[in-house]
Every structure is written in structure tokens, then in C-alpha cells.
Amino acid sequence: MKKISVILFLVFISTGLVSAQGGIKKKRPLPHDYGKVVINNYSDRAGQSPVAFDHWLHRSKFTCRLCHVDLAFAMKAGATGIKAADNMRGYYCGACHNGKMAHAGRTVFEACSRNLSDDPKRCERCHSQGKNVKKEYDFYLFTEKFPRERFGNGINWEKTEEEGLVKLVDYIEGVSIKRGSLTVQKDFSLEPKVKGMPEILFSHKKHTVWNGCEVCHPEIFVGVKKGSTKYSMVEIFDGKYCGVCHSSVAFPLLDCQRCHTSQVQ
């Protein structure tokens, strides 16, 4: 226990979190809110509440690569600039939420339409921030049989997928390109700069299930050769490299032992 405490303290010292934050502690989100993105580029001007996007629900059905590569959603909230007109034309959310696509035996509801007379409450299904909107899927009921973990939204998504509890869609007809599978790279270790920290064991296999190669390369990690990209925990905590996902959607950086997995000699 003492060794773990010292290691964690060294991590916080190395990232500047002990003194740089001035004693301000960021509120930890509740499990169902972890990963939620509020989109408000145009909602206020359109007289609508901001869109509240639940990552947990969409990641239980689709790969990250499908949305962030094939559908071209930016990795940063608000950077895509989605408009209702885009959805109506079948772009972004409208690629699936068109009232026609079937998923798991159900038709995906139409997100945006010029004709609201048939469903005046349709807009609130997405434009729900600050409203008491009843969700079609309850987080706790939906995930009650999923493997647990300590941080984030409390779900070990890797094991959930491995055990077949979720079936991820990675292809949309007319949008995605059919391509063969690449050879999966072997796992490799990365030596941390902080003395006493366990080595990082990185698995390409685990990441490619969700991300393919395209989500990470070349926008997040420029090089494709081990050691060609240099980074630090300061940069990762600042939302770069691994921190692009592991600060907001994937398991958070608080869970040091998920990455630093080898034993200290």
C-alpha cells in the first residue's frame, strides 16, 4: 500500500496537479454522465435546448471509428458544427437517425425533420439538456450485467465487448468503405519517466476493436513506429495523445493501474 501511495504521489507531482490547481478539485461526474457531451453551436439561436449526447449508449452499439472516421465527427466537443440541415441530408447524426435504419430489430428514430406535426416532442429526444426528458434507455438497467470497474462510468467496456454483451456495428452501407483487416500489431511496453512507476503495456488489439487504426493515426499519434512520438503525462493530462479519449470517454487517467500494469522490480 505504501509503495502504491508513493507512486501515485509521484504521478501527481510529475503532472503538476498537487500545486498547480490551487486546491480546486474538479467534480467527479456520476456514472451515467461520464462521457456526456453538450452540443450548443446553434441550439440557442434555434430556440432549442442544447443537445445532450450520451457516449455510453452509442459506444454500446457502434465503434468509435465508425462515428469519428466514417461519419467525420470531430474528437472535440462542438468542433464539428452540426446543423439540423446536415442531419436532414443524411450527414452526421442523420446517417443513422433517419427514420429508416434498422438496428437490433428496431428502427432508429429520425433526428431532424421539416415536418414536426407527427411528433412534436421529437426534438427533445436530443435537445434535452436542462430538461426532465425520459430516456428510452436507462443507464443502470442497460448496464446492470456488464463487467464493472472503478472509474469513469463504472463499466469495463473492453470485457463487455469480449464477453459478447455488446455487438459493435462498424459499417454503414453507402457511407463506410469495405476494407480487409490489417495484421494486428503485437503488444509492447513503454518505460515511464518517473522512477518506480510500473511499465505501460500497450495493446493494439484492444484499441483496434473500437478505433481501428484511423482514429489514432495520424491525427493523435503522428508516427506509426514505436518511439517515434514523444509524450509526457503533463501532455496526456492536458488532453493530448492518450488523453484525447482517456480524459473524457474511455476509462480516465485516475485509473493508473489500467495502463501501468507491469510489476516494479
Protein backbone atom coordinates (compact mmCIF):
# COMPACT_ATOMS: atom_id res chain seq x y z
CA MET A 1 0.00 0.00 0.00
CA LYS A 2 2.86 2.36 0.87
CA LYS A 3 4.54 1.74 -2.49
CA ILE A 4 1.31 2.46 -4.38
CA SER A 5 0.78 5.71 -2.42
CA VAL A 6 4.32 6.87 -3.20
CA ILE A 7 3.86 6.02 -6.89
CA LEU A 8 0.57 7.92 -7.11
CA PHE A 9 2.12 10.90 -5.35
CA LEU A 10 4.97 10.90 -7.86
CA VAL A 11 2.45 10.90 -10.69
CA PHE A 12 0.65 13.93 -9.31
CA ILE A 13 3.95 15.72 -8.69
CA SER A 14 5.10 14.98 -12.23
CA THR A 15 1.90 16.37 -13.73
CA GLY A 16 1.81 19.45 -11.53
CA LEU A 17 -1.58 18.57 -10.10
CA VAL A 18 -0.61 18.95 -6.45
CA SER A 19 0.26 22.64 -6.51
CA ALA A 20 -0.89 23.99 -9.89
CA GLN A 21 -4.61 23.60 -9.27
CA GLY A 22 -4.67 25.92 -6.25
CA GLY A 23 -6.70 23.48 -4.17
CA ILE A 24 -9.60 23.39 -6.66
CA LYS A 25 -10.96 19.87 -7.04
CA LYS A 26 -12.86 19.00 -10.19
CA LYS A 27 -16.22 17.37 -9.52
CA ARG A 28 -16.30 13.73 -10.49
CA PRO A 29 -19.27 13.04 -12.80
CA LEU A 30 -21.86 10.41 -11.94
CA PRO A 31 -21.55 7.14 -13.91
CA HIS A 32 -24.42 7.95 -16.30
CA ASP A 33 -22.98 11.41 -17.01
CA TYR A 34 -19.40 10.31 -17.67
CA GLY A 35 -18.59 10.98 -21.31
CA LYS A 36 -21.71 13.07 -21.91
CA VAL A 37 -21.16 15.83 -24.45
CA VAL A 38 -23.24 19.00 -24.54
CA ILE A 39 -23.53 20.43 -28.06
CA ASN A 40 -24.70 24.02 -28.33
CA ASN A 41 -23.33 25.50 -31.53
CA TYR A 42 -26.70 26.56 -32.90
CA SER A 43 -29.35 25.34 -30.42
CA ASP A 44 -29.87 28.61 -28.55
CA ARG A 45 -30.30 30.56 -31.77
CA ALA A 46 -32.85 27.99 -32.96
CA GLY A 47 -34.84 28.30 -29.72
CA GLN A 48 -33.87 24.81 -28.59
CA SER A 49 -32.11 23.43 -25.53
CA PRO A 50 -28.57 22.19 -26.14
CA VAL A 51 -28.11 18.61 -27.32
CA ALA A 52 -27.05 16.16 -24.58
CA PHE A 53 -25.16 13.32 -26.26
CA ASP A 54 -24.68 10.14 -24.22
CA HIS A 55 -21.44 8.45 -25.25
CA TRP A 56 -22.15 5.36 -23.15
CA LEU A 57 -25.25 4.46 -25.19
CA HIS A 58 -23.66 4.95 -28.58
CA ARG A 59 -20.44 3.15 -27.66
CA SER A 60 -22.53 0.14 -26.64
CA LYS A 61 -23.81 -0.12 -30.21
CA PHE A 62 -21.17 1.34 -32.55
CA THR A 63 -17.40 1.53 -32.79
CA CYS A 64 -15.69 4.85 -32.14
CA ARG A 65 -14.09 4.56 -35.58
CA LEU A 66 -17.46 4.48 -37.34
CA CYS A 67 -18.53 7.84 -35.94
CA HIS A 68 -15.20 9.64 -35.81
CA VAL A 69 -13.88 8.48 -39.18
CA ASP A 70 -16.72 7.39 -41.49
CA LEU A 71 -19.21 9.98 -40.21
CA ALA A 72 -16.49 12.62 -39.63
CA PHE A 73 -17.40 13.67 -36.09
CA ALA A 74 -14.53 15.70 -34.62
CA MET A 75 -12.88 14.36 -31.46
CA LYS A 76 -13.50 17.65 -29.65
CA ALA A 77 -16.97 18.65 -28.46
CA GLY A 78 -18.54 21.38 -30.59
CA ALA A 79 -15.84 21.25 -33.27
CA THR A 80 -17.99 19.51 -35.89
CA GLY A 81 -20.56 22.30 -36.22
CA ILE A 82 -23.55 20.03 -36.78
CA LYS A 83 -26.69 21.71 -38.13
CA ALA A 84 -30.22 20.34 -38.38
CA ALA A 85 -29.99 20.77 -42.16
CA ASP A 86 -26.94 18.45 -42.18
CA ASN A 87 -28.90 15.76 -40.35
CA MET A 88 -31.82 16.11 -42.73
CA ARG A 89 -29.45 15.49 -45.65
CA GLY A 90 -28.15 12.30 -44.05
CA TYR A 91 -24.89 13.58 -42.64
CA TYR A 92 -23.55 13.21 -39.07
CA CYS A 93 -26.40 12.09 -36.76
CA GLY A 94 -28.71 11.85 -39.78
CA ALA A 95 -26.70 8.96 -41.23
CA CYS A 96 -28.38 6.70 -38.66
CA HIS A 97 -31.17 8.81 -37.19
CA ASN A 98 -33.15 8.98 -40.42
CA GLY A 99 -36.27 7.02 -39.51
CA LYS A 100 -35.21 4.23 -41.87
CA MET A 101 -32.12 2.50 -40.49
CA ALA A 102 -32.77 -0.68 -38.55
CA HIS A 103 -30.63 -1.68 -35.59
CA ALA A 104 -31.17 -4.66 -33.28
CA GLY A 105 -34.64 -5.17 -34.73
CA ARG A 106 -35.72 -1.56 -34.19
CA THR A 107 -35.96 1.43 -36.48
CA VAL A 108 -33.71 4.30 -35.42
CA PHE A 109 -35.80 7.43 -34.87
CA GLU A 110 -35.46 10.39 -37.24
CA ALA A 111 -33.47 13.13 -35.54
CA CYS A 112 -34.35 16.20 -37.59
CA SER A 113 -37.29 16.75 -39.92
CA ARG A 114 -39.02 19.71 -41.53
CA ASN A 115 -42.34 18.18 -40.56
CA LEU A 116 -42.77 18.13 -36.77
CA SER A 117 -46.54 17.70 -36.74
CA ASP A 118 -46.32 13.91 -36.41
CA ASP A 119 -44.06 14.06 -33.32
CA PRO A 120 -43.83 17.49 -31.65
CA LYS A 121 -41.64 16.04 -28.86
CA ARG A 122 -39.09 14.62 -31.30
CA CYS A 123 -36.59 17.47 -30.81
CA GLU A 124 -36.43 16.88 -27.04
CA ARG A 125 -35.04 13.39 -27.55
CA CYS A 126 -31.72 15.06 -28.40
CA HIS A 127 -32.19 18.68 -27.26
CA SER A 128 -32.63 17.56 -23.66
CA GLN A 129 -30.01 19.47 -21.68
CA GLY A 130 -31.66 21.08 -18.64
CA LYS A 131 -34.96 19.31 -19.27
CA ASN A 132 -36.59 16.40 -17.47
CA VAL A 133 -36.80 14.16 -20.52
CA LYS A 134 -37.49 10.47 -20.02
CA LYS A 135 -34.79 8.47 -21.75
CA GLU A 136 -35.59 5.42 -23.85
CA TYR A 137 -32.61 3.62 -22.33
CA ASP A 138 -31.88 3.72 -18.60
CA PHE A 139 -28.13 3.56 -17.97
CA TYR A 140 -28.32 1.43 -14.84
CA LEU A 141 -30.80 -1.11 -16.24
CA PHE A 142 -28.99 -1.32 -19.56
CA THR A 143 -25.57 -1.95 -17.99
CA GLU A 144 -26.53 -3.99 -14.92
CA LYS A 145 -24.94 -7.20 -16.30
CA PHE A 146 -21.83 -5.55 -17.71
CA PRO A 147 -18.42 -6.13 -16.04
CA ARG A 148 -17.57 -3.36 -13.61
CA GLU A 149 -14.55 -1.17 -12.99
CA ARG A 150 -13.70 1.58 -10.51
CA PHE A 151 -13.68 4.79 -12.52
CA GLY A 152 -15.39 6.51 -15.46
CA ASN A 153 -18.94 5.25 -15.75
CA GLY A 154 -18.06 2.10 -13.83
CA ILE A 155 -18.18 -0.19 -16.88
CA ASN A 156 -15.28 -2.24 -18.19
CA TRP A 157 -16.13 -1.83 -21.86
CA GLU A 158 -13.25 -3.98 -23.01
CA LYS A 159 -14.54 -7.03 -21.12
CA THR A 160 -18.13 -6.18 -22.04
CA GLU A 161 -17.23 -6.47 -25.74
CA GLU A 162 -15.04 -9.55 -25.21
CA GLU A 163 -17.88 -11.38 -23.45
CA GLY A 164 -20.29 -10.60 -26.29
CA LEU A 165 -22.58 -8.42 -24.18
CA VAL A 166 -22.41 -5.72 -26.84
CA LYS A 167 -22.21 -6.19 -30.61
CA LEU A 168 -20.49 -3.25 -32.23
CA VAL A 169 -21.53 -2.01 -35.67
CA ASP A 170 -18.54 -0.84 -37.72
CA TYR A 171 -20.08 -0.43 -41.17
CA ILE A 172 -22.88 1.65 -42.69
CA GLU A 173 -23.93 0.85 -46.24
CA GLY A 174 -23.33 3.80 -48.55
CA VAL A 175 -21.07 5.53 -46.03
CA SER A 176 -18.32 3.12 -44.96
CA ILE A 177 -15.67 1.68 -47.25
CA LYS A 178 -15.27 -2.09 -47.32
CA ARG A 179 -11.71 -2.96 -46.38
CA GLY A 180 -9.79 -6.01 -45.34
CA SER A 181 -8.42 -6.50 -41.85
CA LEU A 182 -4.84 -5.50 -41.16
CA THR A 183 -2.42 -7.66 -39.22
CA VAL A 184 -2.78 -6.81 -35.54
CA GLN A 185 0.42 -5.41 -34.06
CA LYS A 186 1.90 -7.12 -31.01
CA ASP A 187 1.57 -5.61 -27.54
CA PHE A 188 4.58 -3.61 -26.41
CA SER A 189 5.85 -1.93 -23.25
CA LEU A 190 6.70 1.72 -22.66
CA GLU A 191 9.10 2.76 -19.94
CA PRO A 192 7.77 5.61 -17.76
CA LYS A 193 9.92 8.61 -16.94
CA VAL A 194 9.01 8.53 -13.25
CA LYS A 195 11.25 6.13 -11.36
CA GLY A 196 9.28 3.46 -9.52
CA MET A 197 6.23 3.54 -11.80
CA PRO A 198 5.34 0.19 -13.44
CA GLU A 199 5.86 -0.05 -17.19
CA ILE A 200 2.98 0.73 -19.53
CA LEU A 201 1.76 -2.26 -21.52
CA PHE A 202 0.01 -1.06 -24.66
CA SER A 203 -2.27 -3.37 -26.62
CA HIS A 204 -3.02 -2.57 -30.26
CA LYS A 205 -5.51 -5.44 -30.33
CA LYS A 206 -7.70 -3.93 -27.60
CA HIS A 207 -7.67 -0.49 -29.20
CA THR A 208 -8.32 -1.57 -32.78
CA VAL A 209 -11.59 -3.29 -31.80
CA TRP A 210 -13.07 0.15 -31.11
CA ASN A 211 -10.85 2.55 -33.02
CA GLY A 212 -9.39 0.72 -35.98
CA CYS A 213 -6.13 2.43 -36.87
CA GLU A 214 -7.63 5.62 -38.26
CA VAL A 215 -8.85 7.23 -35.04
CA CYS A 216 -5.36 7.31 -33.53
CA HIS A 217 -3.12 7.64 -36.63
CA PRO A 218 -2.08 10.15 -37.82
CA GLU A 219 -4.09 12.86 -36.03
CA ILE A 220 -3.44 11.79 -32.42
CA PHE A 221 -0.22 9.82 -32.81
CA VAL A 222 1.72 11.07 -35.85
CA GLY A 223 4.24 8.24 -36.05
CA VAL A 224 3.43 4.58 -36.60
CA LYS A 225 6.77 3.33 -35.30
CA LYS A 226 7.34 2.66 -31.61
CA GLY A 227 9.25 5.55 -30.05
CA SER A 228 8.63 8.00 -32.91
CA THR A 229 6.14 10.02 -30.85
CA LYS A 230 7.41 11.51 -27.57
CA TYR A 231 4.88 12.50 -24.94
CA SER A 232 4.57 13.09 -21.22
CA MET A 233 1.93 12.74 -18.51
CA VAL A 234 1.63 16.53 -18.46
CA GLU A 235 0.56 16.47 -22.13
CA ILE A 236 -1.74 13.49 -21.57
CA PHE A 237 -3.47 15.22 -18.64
CA ASP A 238 -3.79 18.25 -20.92
CA GLY A 239 -5.94 16.16 -23.28
CA LYS A 240 -3.30 15.22 -25.84
CA TYR A 241 -2.28 11.76 -27.10
CA CYS A 242 -3.86 9.11 -24.81
CA GLY A 243 -5.66 11.96 -23.02
CA VAL A 244 -7.84 12.67 -26.07
CA CYS A 245 -10.04 9.73 -25.02
CA HIS A 246 -8.78 8.79 -21.57
CA SER A 247 -9.83 12.09 -20.02
CA SER A 248 -13.44 12.19 -21.09
CA VAL A 249 -14.85 8.98 -22.63
CA ALA A 250 -12.61 5.94 -22.13
CA PHE A 251 -11.55 4.98 -18.58
CA PRO A 252 -9.99 8.09 -17.01
CA LEU A 253 -6.38 8.79 -16.09
CA LEU A 254 -7.20 8.31 -12.40
CA ASP A 255 -7.07 4.56 -13.03
CA CYS A 256 -3.27 4.34 -13.23
CA GLN A 257 -3.15 0.56 -12.96
CA ARG A 258 -5.11 0.03 -16.20
CA CYS A 259 -2.07 1.25 -18.17
CA HIS A 260 0.85 0.85 -15.74
CA THR A 261 0.34 -2.88 -15.43
CA SER A 262 3.79 -4.48 -15.14
CA GLN A 263 5.37 -5.13 -11.74
CA VAL A 264 8.04 -2.83 -10.33
CA GLN A 265 11.27 -4.80 -9.99
